[in-house]
Amino acid sequence: MSTDSAPAAQEPDHAATFGPPPSLAALFVAFARMSLAGFGGVLVFARRAIVEQHRWMTADEFNETFALCHFLPGPNIVNLSMVFGARLRGIAGGVAAFAGLLLPPTLIMTVLAIVYARFGDVEVLRRILAGISCAAVGLLIAVVFRMMTPLLKRMDAVALILMLGVFLAIGVLRLPLQAVLLVAIPVSVGATFLLRRKVAA
């Protein structure tokens, strides 16, 4: 009896968490807005739009998808647009999200590159760019803390230890990224598999 009632109790949460699957046009527009708003990096605005605004993913799913994209070659956010779009709308969805992410900033950067080539030596412009770089670092730190929230809420000790270990290995000990990943990925996958198997048992 308790088994039958459990899924029914979870259905409202699922419905409240996920919005309807977006159309191809909605994917294009959403990622275009992310790219146009993404001063200092699109990741901050991508997470806000996908998780908080449209509720197309949970915070945990976003972290897992971004982790996968982080270990693939190429820019993380570009990988994320393809994986996310394909997950919701197949290959066409991946292309729509990819195009929305890259087309507007490509056009803008082409114009700015022409302007910078002509006025790049102006001291005021250099100071402006230096200030923007500080804001970019602040945005990145903010999104890192937001992405850590699900782990902290669950008090997932194994995940936090692995995260700290990778940070120390790369950020403090300056070990090669490839070597750290070759160790961290199998350990992380193995630990997660064993923990879930233990919970299921």
N, C-alpha and C. Protein backbone atom coordinates (compact mmCIF):
# COMPACT_ATOMS: atom_id res chain seq x y z
N MET A 1 0.84 -1.21 0.00
CA MET A 1 0.00 0.00 0.00
C MET A 1 0.87 1.25 0.00
N SER A 2 1.93 1.20 0.81
CA SER A 2 2.83 2.33 0.84
C SER A 2 3.58 2.49 -0.48
N THR A 3 3.81 1.34 -1.17
CA THR A 3 4.51 1.39 -2.45
C THR A 3 3.68 2.11 -3.49
N ASP A 4 2.35 1.88 -3.45
CA ASP A 4 1.48 2.52 -4.44
C ASP A 4 1.33 4.01 -4.19
N SER A 5 1.39 4.41 -2.95
CA SER A 5 1.14 5.80 -2.63
C SER A 5 2.37 6.68 -2.86
N ALA A 6 3.57 6.06 -2.86
CA ALA A 6 4.78 6.86 -3.00
C ALA A 6 4.88 7.59 -4.32
N PRO A 7 4.65 6.92 -5.48
CA PRO A 7 4.73 7.65 -6.73
C PRO A 7 3.72 8.78 -6.84
N ALA A 8 2.51 8.54 -6.30
CA ALA A 8 1.48 9.58 -6.37
C ALA A 8 1.90 10.82 -5.60
N ALA A 9 2.60 10.60 -4.48
CA ALA A 9 3.02 11.73 -3.68
C ALA A 9 4.14 12.52 -4.36
N GLN A 10 4.90 11.84 -5.27
CA GLN A 10 6.02 12.51 -5.91
C GLN A 10 5.61 13.25 -7.17
N GLU A 11 4.45 12.95 -7.73
CA GLU A 11 4.05 13.53 -9.00
C GLU A 11 3.94 15.05 -8.96
N PRO A 12 3.36 15.67 -7.93
CA PRO A 12 3.29 17.13 -7.91
C PRO A 12 4.66 17.78 -7.93
N ASP A 13 5.64 17.17 -7.21
CA ASP A 13 6.97 17.73 -7.20
C ASP A 13 7.58 17.71 -8.59
N HIS A 14 7.38 16.59 -9.30
CA HIS A 14 7.92 16.47 -10.64
C HIS A 14 7.28 17.50 -11.56
N ALA A 15 6.00 17.66 -11.47
CA ALA A 15 5.30 18.62 -12.33
C ALA A 15 5.70 20.05 -12.02
N ALA A 16 5.96 20.31 -10.75
CA ALA A 16 6.33 21.68 -10.37
C ALA A 16 7.76 21.99 -10.77
N THR A 17 8.60 20.94 -10.88
CA THR A 17 10.01 21.16 -11.16
C THR A 17 10.26 21.39 -12.65
N PHE A 18 9.61 20.62 -13.51
CA PHE A 18 9.89 20.67 -14.92
C PHE A 18 8.81 21.43 -15.68
N GLY A 19 9.25 22.33 -16.55
CA GLY A 19 8.32 23.00 -17.44
C GLY A 19 8.11 22.15 -18.68
N PRO A 20 7.20 22.56 -19.58
CA PRO A 20 6.97 21.81 -20.82
C PRO A 20 8.20 21.88 -21.71
N PRO A 21 8.43 20.84 -22.52
CA PRO A 21 9.58 20.86 -23.43
C PRO A 21 9.50 22.06 -24.37
N PRO A 22 10.58 22.81 -24.53
CA PRO A 22 10.55 24.01 -25.36
C PRO A 22 10.55 23.66 -26.85
N SER A 23 10.02 24.56 -27.66
CA SER A 23 10.08 24.40 -29.11
C SER A 23 11.49 24.75 -29.59
N LEU A 24 11.76 24.49 -30.87
CA LEU A 24 13.06 24.83 -31.43
C LEU A 24 13.29 26.34 -31.39
N ALA A 25 12.23 27.10 -31.70
CA ALA A 25 12.35 28.56 -31.65
C ALA A 25 12.62 29.03 -30.22
N ALA A 26 11.95 28.40 -29.24
CA ALA A 26 12.17 28.79 -27.84
C ALA A 26 13.59 28.48 -27.40
N LEU A 27 14.13 27.36 -27.86
CA LEU A 27 15.53 27.02 -27.54
C LEU A 27 16.48 28.05 -28.14
N PHE A 28 16.24 28.40 -29.39
CA PHE A 28 17.11 29.38 -30.05
C PHE A 28 17.06 30.71 -29.31
N VAL A 29 15.85 31.20 -29.02
CA VAL A 29 15.70 32.50 -28.35
C VAL A 29 16.30 32.46 -26.96
N ALA A 30 16.08 31.37 -26.21
CA ALA A 30 16.60 31.27 -24.85
C ALA A 30 18.12 31.34 -24.83
N PHE A 31 18.76 30.59 -25.73
CA PHE A 31 20.23 30.60 -25.75
C PHE A 31 20.78 31.89 -26.36
N ALA A 32 20.01 32.51 -27.25
CA ALA A 32 20.43 33.81 -27.77
C ALA A 32 20.42 34.85 -26.65
N ARG A 33 19.39 34.81 -25.81
CA ARG A 33 19.33 35.74 -24.68
C ARG A 33 20.47 35.48 -23.70
N MET A 34 20.78 34.20 -23.46
CA MET A 34 21.90 33.88 -22.58
C MET A 34 23.19 34.47 -23.11
N SER A 35 23.43 34.30 -24.40
CA SER A 35 24.69 34.77 -24.98
C SER A 35 24.78 36.29 -24.96
N LEU A 36 23.65 36.96 -25.19
CA LEU A 36 23.65 38.42 -25.20
C LEU A 36 23.78 39.00 -23.80
N ALA A 37 23.28 38.25 -22.80
CA ALA A 37 23.37 38.73 -21.41
C ALA A 37 24.65 38.27 -20.74
N GLY A 38 25.37 37.36 -21.38
CA GLY A 38 26.48 36.68 -20.73
C GLY A 38 27.77 37.45 -20.68
N PHE A 39 27.74 38.67 -20.15
CA PHE A 39 28.98 39.41 -19.96
C PHE A 39 29.81 38.73 -18.88
N GLY A 40 31.05 38.38 -19.22
CA GLY A 40 31.90 37.68 -18.27
C GLY A 40 31.70 36.18 -18.30
N GLY A 41 30.89 35.69 -19.18
CA GLY A 41 30.67 34.25 -19.29
C GLY A 41 29.20 33.91 -19.28
N VAL A 42 28.83 32.96 -20.13
CA VAL A 42 27.41 32.62 -20.30
C VAL A 42 26.92 31.65 -19.24
N LEU A 43 27.84 30.95 -18.58
CA LEU A 43 27.45 29.90 -17.63
C LEU A 43 26.50 30.42 -16.57
N VAL A 44 26.77 31.59 -16.03
CA VAL A 44 25.92 32.17 -14.98
C VAL A 44 24.49 32.30 -15.46
N PHE A 45 24.32 32.86 -16.65
CA PHE A 45 22.99 33.12 -17.18
C PHE A 45 22.34 31.85 -17.71
N ALA A 46 23.16 30.90 -18.19
CA ALA A 46 22.61 29.63 -18.66
C ALA A 46 21.99 28.87 -17.50
N ARG A 47 22.68 28.81 -16.37
CA ARG A 47 22.12 28.10 -15.22
C ARG A 47 20.84 28.78 -14.72
N ARG A 48 20.86 30.11 -14.68
CA ARG A 48 19.68 30.83 -14.20
C ARG A 48 18.48 30.58 -15.11
N ALA A 49 18.70 30.61 -16.42
CA ALA A 49 17.59 30.41 -17.36
C ALA A 49 17.09 28.97 -17.34
N ILE A 50 18.01 28.00 -17.37
CA ILE A 50 17.62 26.60 -17.49
C ILE A 50 17.02 26.06 -16.20
N VAL A 51 17.63 26.40 -15.06
CA VAL A 51 17.21 25.82 -13.78
C VAL A 51 16.13 26.65 -13.10
N GLU A 52 16.34 27.97 -13.03
CA GLU A 52 15.46 28.81 -12.22
C GLU A 52 14.30 29.42 -13.01
N GLN A 53 14.58 29.90 -14.21
CA GLN A 53 13.54 30.60 -14.97
C GLN A 53 12.60 29.64 -15.69
N HIS A 54 13.16 28.78 -16.56
CA HIS A 54 12.32 27.88 -17.36
C HIS A 54 12.07 26.53 -16.69
N ARG A 55 12.90 26.17 -15.70
CA ARG A 55 12.77 24.88 -15.00
C ARG A 55 12.83 23.71 -15.98
N TRP A 56 13.77 23.79 -16.91
CA TRP A 56 13.96 22.70 -17.85
C TRP A 56 14.84 21.61 -17.26
N MET A 57 15.56 21.92 -16.20
CA MET A 57 16.41 20.96 -15.49
C MET A 57 16.40 21.27 -14.01
N THR A 58 16.68 20.25 -13.21
CA THR A 58 16.92 20.50 -11.80
C THR A 58 18.36 20.95 -11.62
N ALA A 59 18.68 21.44 -10.44
CA ALA A 59 20.05 21.88 -10.16
C ALA A 59 21.03 20.73 -10.27
N ASP A 60 20.63 19.56 -9.79
CA ASP A 60 21.50 18.39 -9.87
C ASP A 60 21.73 17.97 -11.32
N GLU A 61 20.67 17.97 -12.13
CA GLU A 61 20.81 17.59 -13.53
C GLU A 61 21.72 18.57 -14.28
N PHE A 62 21.58 19.85 -13.97
CA PHE A 62 22.45 20.84 -14.61
C PHE A 62 23.90 20.58 -14.25
N ASN A 63 24.17 20.32 -12.97
CA ASN A 63 25.54 20.04 -12.54
C ASN A 63 26.10 18.82 -13.25
N GLU A 64 25.28 17.76 -13.36
CA GLU A 64 25.73 16.53 -14.00
C GLU A 64 26.00 16.76 -15.49
N THR A 65 25.10 17.50 -16.15
CA THR A 65 25.28 17.77 -17.58
C THR A 65 26.51 18.65 -17.81
N PHE A 66 26.67 19.66 -16.97
CA PHE A 66 27.83 20.54 -17.12
C PHE A 66 29.13 19.79 -16.84
N ALA A 67 29.08 18.86 -15.87
CA ALA A 67 30.27 18.06 -15.58
C ALA A 67 30.68 17.24 -16.80
N LEU A 68 29.68 16.64 -17.47
CA LEU A 68 29.97 15.89 -18.69
C LEU A 68 30.59 16.79 -19.75
N CYS A 69 29.99 17.96 -19.95
CA CYS A 69 30.48 18.89 -20.97
C CYS A 69 31.86 19.43 -20.62
N HIS A 70 32.15 19.51 -19.34
CA HIS A 70 33.44 20.03 -18.89
C HIS A 70 34.57 19.11 -19.28
N PHE A 71 34.28 17.82 -19.36
CA PHE A 71 35.32 16.84 -19.68
C PHE A 71 35.40 16.53 -21.17
N LEU A 72 34.54 17.15 -21.97
CA LEU A 72 34.59 16.99 -23.42
C LEU A 72 35.47 18.09 -24.02
N PRO A 73 36.11 17.82 -25.15
CA PRO A 73 36.92 18.88 -25.78
C PRO A 73 36.04 20.01 -26.29
N GLY A 74 36.58 21.22 -26.25
CA GLY A 74 35.84 22.38 -26.73
C GLY A 74 35.31 23.22 -25.58
N PRO A 75 34.77 24.40 -25.88
CA PRO A 75 34.23 25.29 -24.84
C PRO A 75 33.07 24.63 -24.09
N ASN A 76 33.08 24.74 -22.77
CA ASN A 76 32.08 24.06 -21.95
C ASN A 76 30.65 24.47 -22.29
N ILE A 77 30.43 25.77 -22.43
CA ILE A 77 29.06 26.26 -22.63
C ILE A 77 28.55 25.88 -24.02
N VAL A 78 29.44 25.78 -24.99
CA VAL A 78 29.04 25.33 -26.33
C VAL A 78 28.63 23.87 -26.28
N ASN A 79 29.43 23.06 -25.59
CA ASN A 79 29.07 21.65 -25.40
C ASN A 79 27.72 21.53 -24.70
N LEU A 80 27.51 22.39 -23.68
CA LEU A 80 26.26 22.34 -22.93
C LEU A 80 25.07 22.65 -23.82
N SER A 81 25.20 23.62 -24.70
CA SER A 81 24.08 23.97 -25.59
C SER A 81 23.71 22.79 -26.48
N MET A 82 24.70 22.09 -27.02
CA MET A 82 24.43 20.95 -27.89
C MET A 82 23.81 19.80 -27.12
N VAL A 83 24.40 19.47 -25.96
CA VAL A 83 23.89 18.35 -25.16
C VAL A 83 22.49 18.64 -24.66
N PHE A 84 22.28 19.85 -24.14
CA PHE A 84 20.98 20.21 -23.59
C PHE A 84 19.91 20.25 -24.67
N GLY A 85 20.20 20.91 -25.79
CA GLY A 85 19.23 20.99 -26.88
C GLY A 85 18.88 19.63 -27.44
N ALA A 86 19.89 18.77 -27.61
CA ALA A 86 19.65 17.42 -28.13
C ALA A 86 18.86 16.58 -27.14
N ARG A 87 19.06 16.83 -25.87
CA ARG A 87 18.33 16.06 -24.85
C ARG A 87 16.84 16.35 -24.90
N LEU A 88 16.47 17.59 -25.20
CA LEU A 88 15.06 17.98 -25.19
C LEU A 88 14.39 17.82 -26.55
N ARG A 89 15.14 18.11 -27.63
CA ARG A 89 14.52 18.12 -28.96
C ARG A 89 15.32 17.39 -30.02
N GLY A 90 16.19 16.48 -29.60
CA GLY A 90 16.97 15.73 -30.56
C GLY A 90 18.05 16.59 -31.22
N ILE A 91 18.53 16.10 -32.37
CA ILE A 91 19.62 16.79 -33.06
C ILE A 91 19.20 18.21 -33.45
N ALA A 92 17.96 18.37 -33.91
CA ALA A 92 17.48 19.70 -34.29
C ALA A 92 17.51 20.65 -33.10
N GLY A 93 17.18 20.15 -31.91
CA GLY A 93 17.25 20.98 -30.71
C GLY A 93 18.66 21.39 -30.38
N GLY A 94 19.61 20.46 -30.56
CA GLY A 94 21.01 20.79 -30.32
C GLY A 94 21.50 21.87 -31.27
N VAL A 95 21.10 21.77 -32.55
CA VAL A 95 21.50 22.78 -33.53
C VAL A 95 20.87 24.13 -33.21
N ALA A 96 19.59 24.12 -32.79
CA ALA A 96 18.90 25.38 -32.46
C ALA A 96 19.57 26.07 -31.27
N ALA A 97 19.87 25.32 -30.23
CA ALA A 97 20.53 25.91 -29.06
C ALA A 97 21.93 26.40 -29.41
N PHE A 98 22.65 25.61 -30.19
CA PHE A 98 24.00 25.97 -30.62
C PHE A 98 23.98 27.26 -31.43
N ALA A 99 23.05 27.36 -32.38
CA ALA A 99 22.95 28.56 -33.22
C ALA A 99 22.55 29.78 -32.39
N GLY A 100 21.61 29.61 -31.46
CA GLY A 100 21.21 30.72 -30.61
C GLY A 100 22.34 31.21 -29.74
N LEU A 101 23.19 30.28 -29.29
CA LEU A 101 24.29 30.65 -28.42
C LEU A 101 25.39 31.41 -29.16
N LEU A 102 25.69 31.00 -30.38
CA LEU A 102 26.86 31.54 -31.08
C LEU A 102 26.56 32.64 -32.09
N LEU A 103 25.40 32.62 -32.70
CA LEU A 103 25.14 33.58 -33.78
C LEU A 103 25.15 35.04 -33.32
N PRO A 104 24.36 35.43 -32.28
CA PRO A 104 24.36 36.85 -31.89
C PRO A 104 25.73 37.36 -31.45
N PRO A 105 26.46 36.65 -30.54
CA PRO A 105 27.76 37.19 -30.14
C PRO A 105 28.79 37.20 -31.27
N THR A 106 28.65 36.25 -32.22
CA THR A 106 29.58 36.25 -33.35
C THR A 106 29.43 37.53 -34.17
N LEU A 107 28.18 37.92 -34.41
CA LEU A 107 27.93 39.15 -35.16
C LEU A 107 28.45 40.37 -34.39
N ILE A 108 28.18 40.39 -33.08
CA ILE A 108 28.61 41.53 -32.26
C ILE A 108 30.13 41.62 -32.19
N MET A 109 30.78 40.46 -31.97
CA MET A 109 32.23 40.45 -31.83
C MET A 109 32.92 40.82 -33.14
N THR A 110 32.30 40.51 -34.26
CA THR A 110 32.88 40.92 -35.55
C THR A 110 32.93 42.43 -35.63
N VAL A 111 31.85 43.08 -35.23
CA VAL A 111 31.81 44.55 -35.25
C VAL A 111 32.81 45.12 -34.23
N LEU A 112 32.83 44.54 -33.02
CA LEU A 112 33.74 45.06 -31.98
C LEU A 112 35.20 44.85 -32.36
N ALA A 113 35.49 43.75 -33.05
CA ALA A 113 36.87 43.50 -33.47
C ALA A 113 37.34 44.59 -34.43
N ILE A 114 36.44 45.00 -35.31
CA ILE A 114 36.78 46.08 -36.24
C ILE A 114 37.03 47.38 -35.48
N VAL A 115 36.17 47.65 -34.48
CA VAL A 115 36.33 48.87 -33.67
C VAL A 115 37.61 48.81 -32.86
N TYR A 116 37.90 47.64 -32.26
CA TYR A 116 39.09 47.51 -31.41
C TYR A 116 40.37 47.63 -32.24
N ALA A 117 40.33 47.11 -33.47
CA ALA A 117 41.51 47.20 -34.32
C ALA A 117 41.86 48.66 -34.61
N ARG A 118 40.85 49.53 -34.56
CA ARG A 118 41.07 50.94 -34.87
C ARG A 118 41.35 51.78 -33.63
N PHE A 119 40.68 51.42 -32.50
CA PHE A 119 40.80 52.25 -31.30
C PHE A 119 41.38 51.49 -30.10
N GLY A 120 42.02 50.35 -30.33
CA GLY A 120 42.51 49.52 -29.24
C GLY A 120 43.58 50.15 -28.38
N ASP A 121 44.28 51.14 -28.90
CA ASP A 121 45.36 51.78 -28.13
C ASP A 121 44.86 52.88 -27.21
N VAL A 122 43.57 53.17 -27.22
CA VAL A 122 43.03 54.22 -26.36
C VAL A 122 43.07 53.75 -24.90
N GLU A 123 43.64 54.56 -24.00
CA GLU A 123 43.84 54.17 -22.60
C GLU A 123 42.51 53.95 -21.88
N VAL A 124 41.50 54.77 -22.18
CA VAL A 124 40.20 54.62 -21.53
C VAL A 124 39.61 53.25 -21.82
N LEU A 125 39.75 52.79 -23.06
CA LEU A 125 39.22 51.48 -23.44
C LEU A 125 39.92 50.37 -22.67
N ARG A 126 41.23 50.48 -22.48
CA ARG A 126 41.97 49.47 -21.73
C ARG A 126 41.49 49.39 -20.28
N ARG A 127 41.23 50.55 -19.69
CA ARG A 127 40.75 50.56 -18.29
C ARG A 127 39.35 49.94 -18.19
N ILE A 128 38.53 50.20 -19.19
CA ILE A 128 37.19 49.61 -19.21
C ILE A 128 37.28 48.09 -19.28
N LEU A 129 38.15 47.58 -20.14
CA LEU A 129 38.32 46.14 -20.28
C LEU A 129 38.87 45.52 -19.00
N ALA A 130 39.75 46.22 -18.30
CA ALA A 130 40.28 45.72 -17.03
C ALA A 130 39.18 45.61 -15.99
N GLY A 131 38.28 46.60 -15.95
CA GLY A 131 37.15 46.54 -15.02
C GLY A 131 36.20 45.41 -15.35
N ILE A 132 35.98 45.18 -16.64
CA ILE A 132 35.09 44.09 -17.05
C ILE A 132 35.67 42.75 -16.64
N SER A 133 36.99 42.59 -16.71
CA SER A 133 37.62 41.32 -16.33
C SER A 133 37.39 41.02 -14.85
N CYS A 134 37.41 42.06 -14.00
CA CYS A 134 37.14 41.86 -12.56
C CYS A 134 35.70 41.39 -12.35
N ALA A 135 34.77 42.00 -13.07
CA ALA A 135 33.37 41.58 -12.96
C ALA A 135 33.19 40.14 -13.44
N ALA A 136 33.94 39.76 -14.47
CA ALA A 136 33.84 38.39 -15.00
C ALA A 136 34.28 37.38 -13.96
N VAL A 137 35.36 37.68 -13.24
CA VAL A 137 35.82 36.77 -12.18
C VAL A 137 34.77 36.64 -11.08
N GLY A 138 34.16 37.77 -10.71
CA GLY A 138 33.12 37.74 -9.69
C GLY A 138 31.93 36.90 -10.10
N LEU A 139 31.51 37.02 -11.36
CA LEU A 139 30.40 36.22 -11.86
C LEU A 139 30.73 34.73 -11.82
N LEU A 140 31.95 34.38 -12.20
CA LEU A 140 32.35 32.97 -12.20
C LEU A 140 32.35 32.39 -10.79
N ILE A 141 32.87 33.14 -9.83
CA ILE A 141 32.87 32.68 -8.44
C ILE A 141 31.45 32.49 -7.94
N ALA A 142 30.55 33.43 -8.31
CA ALA A 142 29.16 33.34 -7.87
C ALA A 142 28.49 32.08 -8.38
N VAL A 143 28.70 31.74 -9.65
CA VAL A 143 28.03 30.57 -10.20
C VAL A 143 28.62 29.28 -9.64
N VAL A 144 29.91 29.30 -9.30
CA VAL A 144 30.52 28.11 -8.67
C VAL A 144 29.83 27.82 -7.33
N PHE A 145 29.60 28.85 -6.55
CA PHE A 145 28.92 28.65 -5.26
C PHE A 145 27.48 28.20 -5.45
N ARG A 146 26.81 28.72 -6.50
CA ARG A 146 25.44 28.29 -6.77
C ARG A 146 25.41 26.81 -7.16
N MET A 147 26.37 26.37 -7.94
CA MET A 147 26.42 24.97 -8.37
C MET A 147 26.80 24.04 -7.21
N MET A 148 27.48 24.58 -6.21
CA MET A 148 27.83 23.78 -5.04
C MET A 148 26.65 23.59 -4.09
N THR A 149 25.62 24.41 -4.21
CA THR A 149 24.50 24.37 -3.27
C THR A 149 23.85 23.00 -3.13
N PRO A 150 23.54 22.29 -4.25
CA PRO A 150 22.93 20.96 -4.09
C PRO A 150 23.81 19.99 -3.30
N LEU A 151 25.12 20.05 -3.49
CA LEU A 151 26.02 19.16 -2.75
C LEU A 151 26.02 19.50 -1.27
N LEU A 152 26.00 20.79 -0.96
CA LEU A 152 26.01 21.21 0.44
C LEU A 152 24.69 20.86 1.12
N LYS A 153 23.58 20.98 0.39
CA LYS A 153 22.29 20.65 0.98
C LYS A 153 22.18 19.17 1.30
N ARG A 154 22.72 18.33 0.42
CA ARG A 154 22.67 16.89 0.65
C ARG A 154 23.75 16.43 1.61
N MET A 155 24.70 17.33 1.87
CA MET A 155 25.86 16.97 2.70
C MET A 155 26.53 15.72 2.15
N ASP A 156 26.75 15.72 0.83
CA ASP A 156 27.37 14.60 0.14
C ASP A 156 28.87 14.65 0.40
N ALA A 157 29.31 13.92 1.43
CA ALA A 157 30.70 14.00 1.87
C ALA A 157 31.66 13.52 0.78
N VAL A 158 31.31 12.43 0.10
CA VAL A 158 32.19 11.88 -0.92
C VAL A 158 32.40 12.89 -2.05
N ALA A 159 31.30 13.50 -2.52
CA ALA A 159 31.40 14.48 -3.60
C ALA A 159 32.23 15.69 -3.18
N LEU A 160 32.04 16.15 -1.95
CA LEU A 160 32.79 17.31 -1.47
C LEU A 160 34.27 16.99 -1.33
N ILE A 161 34.59 15.77 -0.87
CA ILE A 161 35.99 15.37 -0.73
C ILE A 161 36.66 15.28 -2.10
N LEU A 162 35.95 14.69 -3.07
CA LEU A 162 36.50 14.59 -4.42
C LEU A 162 36.71 15.97 -5.03
N MET A 163 35.74 16.85 -4.83
CA MET A 163 35.85 18.21 -5.36
C MET A 163 37.05 18.93 -4.75
N LEU A 164 37.20 18.80 -3.43
CA LEU A 164 38.33 19.44 -2.75
C LEU A 164 39.66 18.86 -3.21
N GLY A 165 39.67 17.52 -3.42
CA GLY A 165 40.90 16.87 -3.88
C GLY A 165 41.33 17.36 -5.25
N VAL A 166 40.36 17.48 -6.16
CA VAL A 166 40.69 17.98 -7.51
C VAL A 166 41.16 19.42 -7.45
N PHE A 167 40.51 20.23 -6.62
CA PHE A 167 40.92 21.63 -6.47
C PHE A 167 42.35 21.73 -5.95
N LEU A 168 42.68 20.95 -4.94
CA LEU A 168 44.03 20.99 -4.39
C LEU A 168 45.06 20.50 -5.40
N ALA A 169 44.71 19.43 -6.13
CA ALA A 169 45.65 18.86 -7.08
C ALA A 169 45.97 19.83 -8.21
N ILE A 170 44.94 20.50 -8.73
CA ILE A 170 45.14 21.39 -9.87
C ILE A 170 45.49 22.81 -9.43
N GLY A 171 44.73 23.34 -8.46
CA GLY A 171 44.91 24.75 -8.07
C GLY A 171 46.10 25.00 -7.17
N VAL A 172 46.43 24.04 -6.29
CA VAL A 172 47.51 24.26 -5.32
C VAL A 172 48.80 23.54 -5.73
N LEU A 173 48.68 22.23 -6.01
CA LEU A 173 49.87 21.45 -6.35
C LEU A 173 50.29 21.62 -7.80
N ARG A 174 49.43 22.22 -8.62
CA ARG A 174 49.73 22.49 -10.04
C ARG A 174 50.02 21.21 -10.82
N LEU A 175 49.31 20.14 -10.50
CA LEU A 175 49.49 18.89 -11.24
C LEU A 175 48.83 19.02 -12.61
N PRO A 176 49.30 18.26 -13.60
CA PRO A 176 48.71 18.35 -14.95
C PRO A 176 47.23 17.98 -14.93
N LEU A 177 46.43 18.77 -15.65
CA LEU A 177 44.99 18.56 -15.67
C LEU A 177 44.62 17.16 -16.16
N GLN A 178 45.29 16.72 -17.23
CA GLN A 178 44.96 15.42 -17.81
C GLN A 178 45.21 14.29 -16.81
N ALA A 179 46.33 14.36 -16.08
CA ALA A 179 46.65 13.31 -15.11
C ALA A 179 45.64 13.29 -13.97
N VAL A 180 45.24 14.48 -13.51
CA VAL A 180 44.26 14.56 -12.42
C VAL A 180 42.92 13.97 -12.86
N LEU A 181 42.50 14.29 -14.08
CA LEU A 181 41.22 13.78 -14.58
C LEU A 181 41.25 12.27 -14.77
N LEU A 182 42.38 11.73 -15.21
CA LEU A 182 42.49 10.28 -15.39
C LEU A 182 42.30 9.53 -14.08
N VAL A 183 42.64 10.18 -12.98
CA VAL A 183 42.44 9.56 -11.66
C VAL A 183 41.07 9.92 -11.09
N ALA A 184 40.69 11.19 -11.21
CA ALA A 184 39.47 11.68 -10.55
C ALA A 184 38.21 11.09 -11.17
N ILE A 185 38.16 10.95 -12.47
CA ILE A 185 36.93 10.46 -13.12
C ILE A 185 36.62 9.02 -12.72
N PRO A 186 37.56 8.06 -12.83
CA PRO A 186 37.23 6.70 -12.40
C PRO A 186 36.88 6.60 -10.91
N VAL A 187 37.61 7.36 -10.08
CA VAL A 187 37.31 7.34 -8.65
C VAL A 187 35.91 7.88 -8.38
N SER A 188 35.55 8.97 -9.04
CA SER A 188 34.23 9.57 -8.84
C SER A 188 33.12 8.64 -9.31
N VAL A 189 33.29 8.06 -10.50
CA VAL A 189 32.28 7.14 -11.02
C VAL A 189 32.15 5.91 -10.13
N GLY A 190 33.28 5.36 -9.70
CA GLY A 190 33.25 4.18 -8.84
C GLY A 190 32.60 4.46 -7.49
N ALA A 191 32.92 5.61 -6.89
CA ALA A 191 32.34 5.96 -5.60
C ALA A 191 30.84 6.16 -5.70
N THR A 192 30.40 6.84 -6.77
CA THR A 192 28.96 7.05 -6.97
C THR A 192 28.24 5.74 -7.19
N PHE A 193 28.82 4.85 -7.98
CA PHE A 193 28.21 3.55 -8.25
C PHE A 193 28.06 2.74 -6.97
N LEU A 194 29.10 2.70 -6.16
CA LEU A 194 29.05 1.93 -4.92
C LEU A 194 28.04 2.51 -3.94
N LEU A 195 27.98 3.84 -3.84
CA LEU A 195 27.05 4.46 -2.90
C LEU A 195 25.59 4.21 -3.32
N ARG A 196 25.29 4.33 -4.61
CA ARG A 196 23.93 4.09 -5.07
C ARG A 196 23.55 2.63 -4.95
N ARG A 197 24.52 1.77 -5.18
CA ARG A 197 24.24 0.34 -5.01
C ARG A 197 23.96 0.01 -3.55
N LYS A 198 24.69 0.67 -2.66
CA LYS A 198 24.48 0.44 -1.23
C LYS A 198 23.11 0.94 -0.80
N VAL A 199 22.71 2.13 -1.32
CA VAL A 199 21.39 2.68 -0.99
C VAL A 199 20.27 1.79 -1.51
N ALA A 200 20.45 1.28 -2.76
CA ALA A 200 19.43 0.43 -3.36
C ALA A 200 19.28 -0.88 -2.61
N ALA A 201 20.39 -1.39 -2.03
CA ALA A 201 20.33 -2.63 -1.29
C ALA A 201 19.63 -2.43 0.04
